[in-house]
């Protein structure tokens, strides 16, 4: 992907019943990783969606981050020793509070 101008690439995976096999794999490239949305920006965008009545029954910020969580063997095969700690899925405290209240 570097030959195409991407400085970093990541593999993501989502499951959905509306797709024939239920699984969609994707390869995403970043030309400038410093411009990636940070967790607080993602949460602010999601809160705005909810406030504006644009909430969906599928998407939530944890799903976006979790799409990049892979089994350890796959992670090591793709990324090797590369530091990918910026991709770790950390549920924001507001999401944890929301989930806790609804249980």
PDB file of N, CA and C in Angstrom:
ATOM      1  N   UNK A   1       0.817  -1.187   0.000  1.00  0.00           N
ATOM      2  CA  UNK A   1       0.000   0.000   0.000  1.00  0.00           C
ATOM      3  C   UNK A   1       0.871   1.266   0.000  1.00  0.00           C
ATOM      4  N   UNK A   2       2.102   1.145   0.483  1.00  0.00           N
ATOM      5  CA  UNK A   2       2.992   2.309   0.488  1.00  0.00           C
ATOM      6  C   UNK A   2       3.242   2.812  -0.930  1.00  0.00           C
ATOM      7  N   UNK A   3       3.304   1.885  -1.889  1.00  0.00           N
ATOM      8  CA  UNK A   3       3.530   2.292  -3.277  1.00  0.00           C
ATOM      9  C   UNK A   3       2.389   3.133  -3.822  1.00  0.00           C
ATOM     10  N   UNK A   4       1.218   3.021  -3.192  1.00  0.00           N
ATOM     11  CA  UNK A   4       0.048   3.793  -3.612  1.00  0.00           C
ATOM     12  C   UNK A   4      -0.102   5.093  -2.822  1.00  0.00           C
ATOM     13  N   UNK A   5       0.852   5.382  -1.928  1.00  0.00           N
ATOM     14  CA  UNK A   5       0.807   6.622  -1.183  1.00  0.00           C
ATOM     15  C   UNK A   5       0.220   6.509   0.210  1.00  0.00           C
ATOM     16  N   UNK A   6      -0.072   5.302   0.671  1.00  0.00           N
ATOM     17  CA  UNK A   6      -0.627   5.123   2.008  1.00  0.00           C
ATOM     18  C   UNK A   6       0.497   4.823   2.989  1.00  0.00           C
ATOM     19  N   UNK A   7       0.515   5.567   4.095  1.00  0.00           N
ATOM     20  CA  UNK A   7       1.568   5.372   5.091  1.00  0.00           C
ATOM     21  C   UNK A   7       1.248   4.230   6.032  1.00  0.00           C
ATOM     22  N   UNK A   8      -0.039   3.928   6.197  1.00  0.00           N
ATOM     23  CA  UNK A   8      -0.430   2.866   7.116  1.00  0.00           C
ATOM     24  C   UNK A   8      -1.684   2.186   6.577  1.00  0.00           C
ATOM     25  N   UNK A   9      -1.753   0.892   6.727  1.00  0.00           N
ATOM     26  CA  UNK A   9      -2.947   0.169   6.309  1.00  0.00           C
ATOM     27  C   UNK A   9      -3.398  -0.732   7.444  1.00  0.00           C
ATOM     28  N   UNK A  10      -4.690  -0.990   7.497  1.00  0.00           N
ATOM     29  CA  UNK A  10      -5.280  -1.827   8.531  1.00  0.00           C
ATOM     30  C   UNK A  10      -6.347  -2.713   7.918  1.00  0.00           C
ATOM     31  N   UNK A  11      -6.480  -3.907   8.483  1.00  0.00           N
ATOM     32  CA  UNK A  11      -7.535  -4.828   8.083  1.00  0.00           C
ATOM     33  C   UNK A  11      -8.661  -4.727   9.090  1.00  0.00           C
ATOM     34  N   UNK A  12      -9.878  -4.662   8.611  1.00  0.00           N
ATOM     35  CA  UNK A  12     -11.041  -4.626   9.487  1.00  0.00           C
ATOM     36  C   UNK A  12     -12.034  -5.690   9.077  1.00  0.00           C
ATOM     37  N   UNK A  13     -12.916  -6.047   9.978  1.00  0.00           N
ATOM     38  CA  UNK A  13     -13.878  -7.109   9.730  1.00  0.00           C
ATOM     39  C   UNK A  13     -15.194  -6.748  10.410  1.00  0.00           C
ATOM     40  N   UNK A  14     -16.292  -6.889   9.682  1.00  0.00           N
ATOM     41  CA  UNK A  14     -17.599  -6.674  10.290  1.00  0.00           C
ATOM     42  C   UNK A  14     -18.510  -7.837   9.939  1.00  0.00           C
ATOM     43  N   UNK A  15     -19.466  -8.072  10.789  1.00  0.00           N
ATOM     44  CA  UNK A  15     -20.470  -9.111  10.570  1.00  0.00           C
ATOM     45  C   UNK A  15     -21.827  -8.427  10.429  1.00  0.00           C
ATOM     46  N   UNK A  16     -22.581  -8.850   9.440  1.00  0.00           N
ATOM     47  CA  UNK A  16     -23.917  -8.294   9.251  1.00  0.00           C
ATOM     48  C   UNK A  16     -24.800  -9.317   8.544  1.00  0.00           C
ATOM     49  N   UNK A  17     -26.021  -9.445   8.991  1.00  0.00           N
ATOM     50  CA  UNK A  17     -26.931 -10.423   8.397  1.00  0.00           C
ATOM     51  C   UNK A  17     -27.422  -9.994   7.018  1.00  0.00           C
ATOM     52  N   UNK A  18     -27.274  -8.724   6.685  1.00  0.00           N
ATOM     53  CA  UNK A  18     -27.764  -8.260   5.392  1.00  0.00           C
ATOM     54  C   UNK A  18     -26.794  -8.549   4.245  1.00  0.00           C
ATOM     55  N   UNK A  19     -25.622  -9.110   4.564  1.00  0.00           N
ATOM     56  CA  UNK A  19     -24.656  -9.479   3.532  1.00  0.00           C
ATOM     57  C   UNK A  19     -24.711 -10.986   3.356  1.00  0.00           C
ATOM     58  N   UNK A  20     -24.569 -11.467   2.140  1.00  0.00           N
ATOM     59  CA  UNK A  20     -24.767 -12.873   1.810  1.00  0.00           C
ATOM     60  C   UNK A  20     -24.071 -13.839   2.759  1.00  0.00           C
ATOM     61  N   UNK A  21     -22.788 -13.663   3.000  1.00  0.00           N
ATOM     62  CA  UNK A  21     -22.069 -14.593   3.882  1.00  0.00           C
ATOM     63  C   UNK A  21     -22.073 -14.125   5.324  1.00  0.00           C
ATOM     64  N   UNK A  22     -22.546 -12.914   5.575  1.00  0.00           N
ATOM     65  CA  UNK A  22     -22.578 -12.382   6.927  1.00  0.00           C
ATOM     66  C   UNK A  22     -21.279 -11.738   7.357  1.00  0.00           C
ATOM     67  N   UNK A  23     -20.237 -11.842   6.548  1.00  0.00           N
ATOM     68  CA  UNK A  23     -18.927 -11.311   6.924  1.00  0.00           C
ATOM     69  C   UNK A  23     -18.390 -10.424   5.809  1.00  0.00           C
ATOM     70  N   UNK A  24     -17.894  -9.257   6.184  1.00  0.00           N
ATOM     71  CA  UNK A  24     -17.257  -8.362   5.225  1.00  0.00           C
ATOM     72  C   UNK A  24     -15.874  -8.020   5.762  1.00  0.00           C
ATOM     73  N   UNK A  25     -14.854  -8.288   4.978  1.00  0.00           N
ATOM     74  CA  UNK A  25     -13.494  -7.913   5.335  1.00  0.00           C
ATOM     75  C   UNK A  25     -13.099  -6.690   4.520  1.00  0.00           C
ATOM     76  N   UNK A  26     -12.305  -5.818   5.115  1.00  0.00           N
ATOM     77  CA  UNK A  26     -11.925  -4.606   4.392  1.00  0.00           C
ATOM     78  C   UNK A  26     -10.476  -4.248   4.683  1.00  0.00           C
ATOM     79  N   UNK A  27      -9.833  -3.687   3.715  1.00  0.00           N
ATOM     80  CA  UNK A  27      -8.478  -3.177   3.871  1.00  0.00           C
ATOM     81  C   UNK A  27      -8.567  -1.666   3.721  1.00  0.00           C
ATOM     82  N   UNK A  28      -8.161  -0.954   4.749  1.00  0.00           N
ATOM     83  CA  UNK A  28      -8.252   0.496   4.760  1.00  0.00           C
ATOM     84  C   UNK A  28      -6.862   1.096   4.767  1.00  0.00           C
ATOM     85  N   UNK A  29      -6.662   2.150   4.017  1.00  0.00           N
ATOM     86  CA  UNK A  29      -5.366   2.815   3.971  1.00  0.00           C
ATOM     87  C   UNK A  29      -5.468   4.237   4.502  1.00  0.00           C
ATOM     88  N   UNK A  30      -4.413   4.671   5.179  1.00  0.00           N
ATOM     89  CA  UNK A  30      -4.341   6.042   5.688  1.00  0.00           C
ATOM     90  C   UNK A  30      -3.149   6.733   5.050  1.00  0.00           C
ATOM     91  N   UNK A  31      -3.389   7.870   4.446  1.00  0.00           N
ATOM     92  CA  UNK A  31      -2.284   8.633   3.879  1.00  0.00           C
ATOM     93  C   UNK A  31      -1.579   9.431   4.953  1.00  0.00           C
ATOM     94  N   UNK A  32      -2.324   9.898   5.960  1.00  0.00           N
ATOM     95  CA  UNK A  32      -1.729  10.654   7.061  1.00  0.00           C
ATOM     96  C   UNK A  32      -2.371  10.200   8.369  1.00  0.00           C
ATOM     97  N   UNK A  33      -1.760   9.213   9.050  1.00  0.00           N
ATOM     98  CA  UNK A  33      -2.345   8.685  10.286  1.00  0.00           C
ATOM     99  C   UNK A  33      -2.579   9.731  11.373  1.00  0.00           C
ATOM    100  N   UNK A  34      -1.880  10.857  11.329  1.00  0.00           N
ATOM    101  CA  UNK A  34      -2.085  11.884  12.355  1.00  0.00           C
ATOM    102  C   UNK A  34      -3.455  12.546  12.227  1.00  0.00           C
ATOM    103  N   UNK A  35      -4.113  12.389  11.079  1.00  0.00           N
ATOM    104  CA  UNK A  35      -5.429  12.992  10.872  1.00  0.00           C
ATOM    105  C   UNK A  35      -6.579  12.061  11.237  1.00  0.00           C
ATOM    106  N   UNK A  36      -6.268  10.845  11.698  1.00  0.00           N
ATOM    107  CA  UNK A  36      -7.309   9.888  12.077  1.00  0.00           C
ATOM    108  C   UNK A  36      -8.173  10.459  13.184  1.00  0.00           C
ATOM    109  N   UNK A  37      -9.458  10.132  13.148  1.00  0.00           N
ATOM    110  CA  UNK A  37     -10.365  10.586  14.193  1.00  0.00           C
ATOM    111  C   UNK A  37      -9.980   9.953  15.519  1.00  0.00           C
ATOM    112  N   UNK A  38      -9.880  10.758  16.532  1.00  0.00           N
ATOM    113  CA  UNK A  38      -9.591  10.276  17.874  1.00  0.00           C
ATOM    114  C   UNK A  38     -10.904   9.894  18.544  1.00  0.00           C
ATOM    115  N   UNK A  39     -10.792   9.141  19.629  1.00  0.00           N
ATOM    116  CA  UNK A  39     -11.975   8.607  20.291  1.00  0.00           C
ATOM    117  C   UNK A  39     -12.957   9.693  20.729  1.00  0.00           C
ATOM    118  N   UNK A  40     -12.458  10.810  21.230  1.00  0.00           N
ATOM    119  CA  UNK A  40     -13.362  11.875  21.668  1.00  0.00           C
ATOM    120  C   UNK A  40     -14.117  12.493  20.492  1.00  0.00           C
ATOM    121  N   UNK A  41     -13.484  12.562  19.324  1.00  0.00           N
ATOM    122  CA  UNK A  41     -14.145  13.099  18.129  1.00  0.00           C
ATOM    123  C   UNK A  41     -15.224  12.128  17.653  1.00  0.00           C
ATOM    124  N   UNK A  42     -14.914  10.845  17.684  1.00  0.00           N
ATOM    125  CA  UNK A  42     -15.888   9.826  17.287  1.00  0.00           C
ATOM    126  C   UNK A  42     -17.103   9.875  18.210  1.00  0.00           C
ATOM    127  N   UNK A  43     -16.867   9.980  19.528  1.00  0.00           N
ATOM    128  CA  UNK A  43     -17.975  10.047  20.482  1.00  0.00           C
ATOM    129  C   UNK A  43     -18.804  11.309  20.286  1.00  0.00           C
ATOM    130  N   UNK A  44     -18.155  12.435  20.035  1.00  0.00           N
ATOM    131  CA  UNK A  44     -18.885  13.688  19.806  1.00  0.00           C
ATOM    132  C   UNK A  44     -19.762  13.577  18.558  1.00  0.00           C
ATOM    133  N   UNK A  45     -19.227  12.962  17.514  1.00  0.00           N
ATOM    134  CA  UNK A  45     -19.999  12.776  16.281  1.00  0.00           C
ATOM    135  C   UNK A  45     -21.203  11.866  16.538  1.00  0.00           C
ATOM    136  N   UNK A  46     -20.997  10.800  17.332  1.00  0.00           N
ATOM    137  CA  UNK A  46     -22.095   9.885  17.649  1.00  0.00           C
ATOM    138  C   UNK A  46     -23.165  10.583  18.489  1.00  0.00           C
ATOM    139  N   UNK A  47     -22.749  11.359  19.486  1.00  0.00           N
ATOM    140  CA  UNK A  47     -23.717  12.086  20.314  1.00  0.00           C
ATOM    141  C   UNK A  47     -24.551  13.039  19.457  1.00  0.00           C
ATOM    142  N   UNK A  48     -23.901  13.685  18.479  1.00  0.00           N
ATOM    143  CA  UNK A  48     -24.626  14.589  17.580  1.00  0.00           C
ATOM    144  C   UNK A  48     -25.645  13.815  16.745  1.00  0.00           C
ATOM    145  N   UNK A  49     -25.275  12.622  16.296  1.00  0.00           N
ATOM    146  CA  UNK A  49     -26.208  11.778  15.537  1.00  0.00           C
ATOM    147  C   UNK A  49     -27.440  11.463  16.385  1.00  0.00           C
ATOM    148  N   UNK A  50     -27.211  11.052  17.621  1.00  0.00           N
ATOM    149  CA  UNK A  50     -28.313  10.699  18.517  1.00  0.00           C
ATOM    150  C   UNK A  50     -29.186  11.918  18.788  1.00  0.00           C
ATOM    151  N   UNK A  51     -28.548  13.049  19.086  1.00  0.00           N
ATOM    152  CA  UNK A  51     -29.278  14.282  19.382  1.00  0.00           C
ATOM    153  C   UNK A  51     -30.143  14.722  18.210  1.00  0.00           C
ATOM    154  N   UNK A  52     -29.644  14.511  16.986  1.00  0.00           N
ATOM    155  CA  UNK A  52     -30.374  14.923  15.783  1.00  0.00           C
ATOM    156  C   UNK A  52     -31.354  13.869  15.279  1.00  0.00           C
ATOM    157  N   UNK A  53     -31.549  12.809  16.071  1.00  0.00           N
ATOM    158  CA  UNK A  53     -32.483  11.757  15.669  1.00  0.00           C
ATOM    159  C   UNK A  53     -31.955  10.875  14.555  1.00  0.00           C
ATOM    160  N   UNK A  54     -30.637  10.832  14.372  1.00  0.00           N
ATOM    161  CA  UNK A  54     -30.034  10.054  13.290  1.00  0.00           C
ATOM    162  C   UNK A  54     -29.405   8.761  13.793  1.00  0.00           C
ATOM    163  N   UNK A  55     -29.766   8.346  14.998  1.00  0.00           N
ATOM    164  CA  UNK A  55     -29.225   7.127  15.582  1.00  0.00           C
ATOM    165  C   UNK A  55     -29.684   5.930  14.751  1.00  0.00           C
ATOM    166  N   UNK A  56     -28.794   4.965  14.592  1.00  0.00           N
ATOM    167  CA  UNK A  56     -29.158   3.749  13.865  1.00  0.00           C
ATOM    168  C   UNK A  56     -29.284   2.593  14.850  1.00  0.00           C
ATOM    169  N   UNK A  57     -29.819   1.492  14.407  1.00  0.00           N
ATOM    170  CA  UNK A  57     -29.919   0.312  15.269  1.00  0.00           C
ATOM    171  C   UNK A  57     -28.680  -0.569  15.143  1.00  0.00           C
ATOM    172  N   UNK A  58     -27.734  -0.174  14.306  1.00  0.00           N
ATOM    173  CA  UNK A  58     -26.532  -0.990  14.096  1.00  0.00           C
ATOM    174  C   UNK A  58     -25.269  -0.320  14.619  1.00  0.00           C
ATOM    175  N   UNK A  59     -25.012   0.903  14.206  1.00  0.00           N
ATOM    176  CA  UNK A  59     -23.737   1.555  14.511  1.00  0.00           C
ATOM    177  C   UNK A  59     -23.673   2.108  15.931  1.00  0.00           C
ATOM    178  N   UNK A  60     -22.515   1.968  16.530  1.00  0.00           N
ATOM    179  CA  UNK A  60     -22.134   2.672  17.753  1.00  0.00           C
ATOM    180  C   UNK A  60     -20.606   2.727  17.761  1.00  0.00           C
ATOM    181  N   UNK A  61     -20.002   3.671  18.476  1.00  0.00           N
ATOM    182  CA  UNK A  61     -18.533   3.853  18.426  1.00  0.00           C
ATOM    183  C   UNK A  61     -17.726   2.602  18.757  1.00  0.00           C
ATOM    184  N   UNK A  62     -18.202   1.782  19.688  1.00  0.00           N
ATOM    185  CA  UNK A  62     -17.474   0.554  20.017  1.00  0.00           C
ATOM    186  C   UNK A  62     -17.376  -0.391  18.829  1.00  0.00           C
ATOM    187  N   UNK A  63     -18.398  -0.403  17.991  1.00  0.00           N
ATOM    188  CA  UNK A  63     -18.390  -1.235  16.788  1.00  0.00           C
ATOM    189  C   UNK A  63     -17.312  -0.765  15.822  1.00  0.00           C
ATOM    190  N   UNK A  64     -17.171   0.547  15.692  1.00  0.00           N
ATOM    191  CA  UNK A  64     -16.161   1.112  14.799  1.00  0.00           C
ATOM    192  C   UNK A  64     -14.760   0.701  15.238  1.00  0.00           C
ATOM    193  N   UNK A  65     -14.479   0.831  16.522  1.00  0.00           N
ATOM    194  CA  UNK A  65     -13.151   0.451  17.034  1.00  0.00           C
ATOM    195  C   UNK A  65     -12.980  -1.064  17.022  1.00  0.00           C
ATOM    196  N   UNK A  66     -14.029  -1.788  17.399  1.00  0.00           N
ATOM    197  CA  UNK A  66     -13.941  -3.241  17.491  1.00  0.00           C
ATOM    198  C   UNK A  66     -13.752  -3.922  16.151  1.00  0.00           C
ATOM    199  N   UNK A  67     -14.101  -3.255  15.064  1.00  0.00           N
ATOM    200  CA  UNK A  67     -13.939  -3.847  13.740  1.00  0.00           C
ATOM    201  C   UNK A  67     -12.475  -4.141  13.430  1.00  0.00           C
ATOM    202  N   UNK A  68     -11.569  -3.527  14.184  1.00  0.00           N
ATOM    203  CA  UNK A  68     -10.147  -3.722  13.935  1.00  0.00           C
ATOM    204  C   UNK A  68      -9.496  -4.667  14.945  1.00  0.00           C
ATOM    205  N   UNK A  69     -10.298  -5.252  15.836  1.00  0.00           N
ATOM    206  CA  UNK A  69      -9.770  -6.242  16.776  1.00  0.00           C
ATOM    207  C   UNK A  69      -9.699  -7.589  16.066  1.00  0.00           C
ATOM    208  N   UNK A  70      -8.513  -8.162  16.030  1.00  0.00           N
ATOM    209  CA  UNK A  70      -8.294  -9.438  15.354  1.00  0.00           C
ATOM    210  C   UNK A  70      -7.784 -10.466  16.346  1.00  0.00           C
ATOM    211  N   UNK A  71      -7.946 -11.766  16.042  1.00  0.00           N
ATOM    212  CA  UNK A  71      -7.288 -12.772  16.874  1.00  0.00           C
ATOM    213  C   UNK A  71      -5.780 -12.513  16.875  1.00  0.00           C
ATOM    214  N   UNK A  72      -5.110 -12.857  17.970  1.00  0.00           N
ATOM    215  CA  UNK A  72      -3.690 -12.544  18.125  1.00  0.00           C
ATOM    216  C   UNK A  72      -2.845 -13.068  16.970  1.00  0.00           C
ATOM    217  N   UNK A  73      -3.107 -14.316  16.531  1.00  0.00           N
ATOM    218  CA  UNK A  73      -2.291 -14.889  15.445  1.00  0.00           C
ATOM    219  C   UNK A  73      -2.435 -14.070  14.164  1.00  0.00           C
ATOM    220  N   UNK A  74      -3.653 -13.574  13.882  1.00  0.00           N
ATOM    221  CA  UNK A  74      -3.871 -12.775  12.671  1.00  0.00           C
ATOM    222  C   UNK A  74      -3.218 -11.410  12.819  1.00  0.00           C
ATOM    223  N   UNK A  75      -3.347 -10.821  13.988  1.00  0.00           N
ATOM    224  CA  UNK A  75      -2.728  -9.521  14.253  1.00  0.00           C
ATOM    225  C   UNK A  75      -1.213  -9.604  14.054  1.00  0.00           C
ATOM    226  N   UNK A  76      -0.590 -10.635  14.611  1.00  0.00           N
ATOM    227  CA  UNK A  76       0.861 -10.783  14.484  1.00  0.00           C
ATOM    228  C   UNK A  76       1.274 -11.075  13.046  1.00  0.00           C
ATOM    229  N   UNK A  77       0.470 -11.847  12.319  1.00  0.00           N
ATOM    230  CA  UNK A  77       0.799 -12.168  10.925  1.00  0.00           C
ATOM    231  C   UNK A  77       0.736 -10.920  10.042  1.00  0.00           C
ATOM    232  N   UNK A  78      -0.209 -10.033  10.329  1.00  0.00           N
ATOM    233  CA  UNK A  78      -0.373  -8.830   9.509  1.00  0.00           C
ATOM    234  C   UNK A  78       0.574  -7.716   9.947  1.00  0.00           C
ATOM    235  N   UNK A  79       0.648  -7.452  11.250  1.00  0.00           N
ATOM    236  CA  UNK A  79       1.378  -6.289  11.746  1.00  0.00           C
ATOM    237  C   UNK A  79       2.741  -6.597  12.344  1.00  0.00           C
ATOM    238  N   UNK A  80       3.014  -7.867  12.643  1.00  0.00           N
ATOM    239  CA  UNK A  80       4.303  -8.220  13.233  1.00  0.00           C
ATOM    240  C   UNK A  80       4.531  -7.496  14.540  1.00  0.00           C
ATOM    241  N   UNK A  81       5.672  -6.848  14.655  1.00  0.00           N
ATOM    242  CA  UNK A  81       6.047  -6.139  15.883  1.00  0.00           C
ATOM    243  C   UNK A  81       5.623  -4.670  15.878  1.00  0.00           C
ATOM    244  N   UNK A  82       4.910  -4.236  14.853  1.00  0.00           N
ATOM    245  CA  UNK A  82       4.501  -2.834  14.752  1.00  0.00           C
ATOM    246  C   UNK A  82       3.638  -2.426  15.948  1.00  0.00           C
ATOM    247  N   UNK A  83       3.872  -1.238  16.473  1.00  0.00           N
ATOM    248  CA  UNK A  83       3.078  -0.731  17.584  1.00  0.00           C
ATOM    249  C   UNK A  83       1.718  -0.299  17.057  1.00  0.00           C
ATOM    250  N   UNK A  84       0.692  -1.026  17.428  1.00  0.00           N
ATOM    251  CA  UNK A  84      -0.671  -0.692  17.003  1.00  0.00           C
ATOM    252  C   UNK A  84      -1.536  -0.327  18.206  1.00  0.00           C
ATOM    253  N   UNK A  85      -0.913   0.149  19.269  1.00  0.00           N
ATOM    254  CA  UNK A  85      -1.656   0.457  20.487  1.00  0.00           C
ATOM    255  C   UNK A  85      -2.706   1.548  20.261  1.00  0.00           C
ATOM    256  N   UNK A  86      -2.527   2.374  19.241  1.00  0.00           N
ATOM    257  CA  UNK A  86      -3.529   3.402  18.963  1.00  0.00           C
ATOM    258  C   UNK A  86      -4.819   2.802  18.427  1.00  0.00           C
ATOM    259  N   UNK A  87      -4.806   1.521  18.091  1.00  0.00           N
ATOM    260  CA  UNK A  87      -6.002   0.863  17.570  1.00  0.00           C
ATOM    261  C   UNK A  87      -6.775   0.095  18.638  1.00  0.00           C
ATOM    262  N   UNK A  88      -6.254   0.065  19.860  1.00  0.00           N
ATOM    263  CA  UNK A  88      -6.908  -0.704  20.915  1.00  0.00           C
ATOM    264  C   UNK A  88      -8.297  -0.163  21.178  1.00  0.00           C
ATOM    265  N   UNK A  89      -9.219  -1.061  21.411  1.00  0.00           N
ATOM    266  CA  UNK A  89     -10.601  -0.673  21.674  1.00  0.00           C
ATOM    267  C   UNK A  89     -10.778  -0.381  23.152  1.00  0.00           C
ATOM    268  N   UNK A  90     -11.008   0.882  23.470  1.00  0.00           N
ATOM    269  CA  UNK A  90     -11.289   1.291  24.837  1.00  0.00           C
ATOM    270  C   UNK A  90     -12.685   1.890  24.850  1.00  0.00           C
ATOM    271  N   UNK A  91     -13.603   1.231  25.524  1.00  0.00           N
ATOM    272  CA  UNK A  91     -14.961   1.770  25.597  1.00  0.00           C
ATOM    273  C   UNK A  91     -14.941   3.050  26.420  1.00  0.00           C
ATOM    274  N   UNK A  92     -15.414   4.148  25.856  1.00  0.00           N
ATOM    275  CA  UNK A  92     -15.457   5.398  26.611  1.00  0.00           C
ATOM    276  C   UNK A  92     -16.340   5.236  27.844  1.00  0.00           C
ATOM    277  N   UNK A  93     -16.019   5.937  28.911  1.00  0.00           N
ATOM    278  CA  UNK A  93     -16.767   5.806  30.161  1.00  0.00           C
ATOM    279  C   UNK A  93     -18.245   6.106  29.946  1.00  0.00           C
ATOM    280  N   UNK A  94     -18.575   7.021  29.021  1.00  0.00           N
ATOM    281  CA  UNK A  94     -19.982   7.345  28.774  1.00  0.00           C
ATOM    282  C   UNK A  94     -20.711   6.147  28.189  1.00  0.00           C
ATOM    283  N   UNK A  95     -20.047   5.385  27.337  1.00  0.00           N
ATOM    284  CA  UNK A  95     -20.661   4.197  26.754  1.00  0.00           C
ATOM    285  C   UNK A  95     -20.841   3.130  27.826  1.00  0.00           C
ATOM    286  N   UNK A  96     -19.830   2.958  28.669  1.00  0.00           N
ATOM    287  CA  UNK A  96     -19.911   1.977  29.749  1.00  0.00           C
ATOM    288  C   UNK A  96     -21.059   2.345  30.690  1.00  0.00           C
ATOM    289  N   UNK A  97     -21.190   3.634  31.031  1.00  0.00           N
ATOM    290  CA  UNK A  97     -22.278   4.083  31.902  1.00  0.00           C
ATOM    291  C   UNK A  97     -23.639   3.804  31.268  1.00  0.00           C
ATOM    292  N   UNK A  98     -23.758   4.078  29.972  1.00  0.00           N
ATOM    293  CA  UNK A  98     -25.016   3.853  29.267  1.00  0.00           C
ATOM    294  C   UNK A  98     -25.382   2.379  29.285  1.00  0.00           C
ATOM    295  N   UNK A  99     -24.421   1.519  28.987  1.00  0.00           N
ATOM    296  CA  UNK A  99     -24.674   0.080  28.964  1.00  0.00           C
ATOM    297  C   UNK A  99     -25.008  -0.451  30.357  1.00  0.00           C
ATOM    298  N   UNK A 100     -24.361   0.091  31.370  1.00  0.00           N
ATOM    299  CA  UNK A 100     -24.603  -0.348  32.744  1.00  0.00           C
ATOM    300  C   UNK A 100     -26.005   0.035  33.204  1.00  0.00           C
ATOM    301  N   UNK A 101     -26.448   1.236  32.847  1.00  0.00           N
ATOM    302  CA  UNK A 101     -27.779   1.710  33.251  1.00  0.00           C
ATOM    303  C   UNK A 101     -28.890   0.893  32.618  1.00  0.00           C
ATOM    304  N   UNK A 102     -28.664   0.411  31.364  1.00  0.00           N
ATOM    305  CA  UNK A 102     -29.726  -0.305  30.660  1.00  0.00           C
ATOM    306  C   UNK A 102     -29.813  -1.763  31.074  1.00  0.00           C
ATOM    307  N   UNK A 103     -28.852  -2.276  31.876  1.00  0.00           N
ATOM    308  CA  UNK A 103     -28.914  -3.688  32.262  1.00  0.00           C
ATOM    309  C   UNK A 103     -29.693  -3.882  33.534  1.00  0.00           C
TER     310      UNK A 103
END
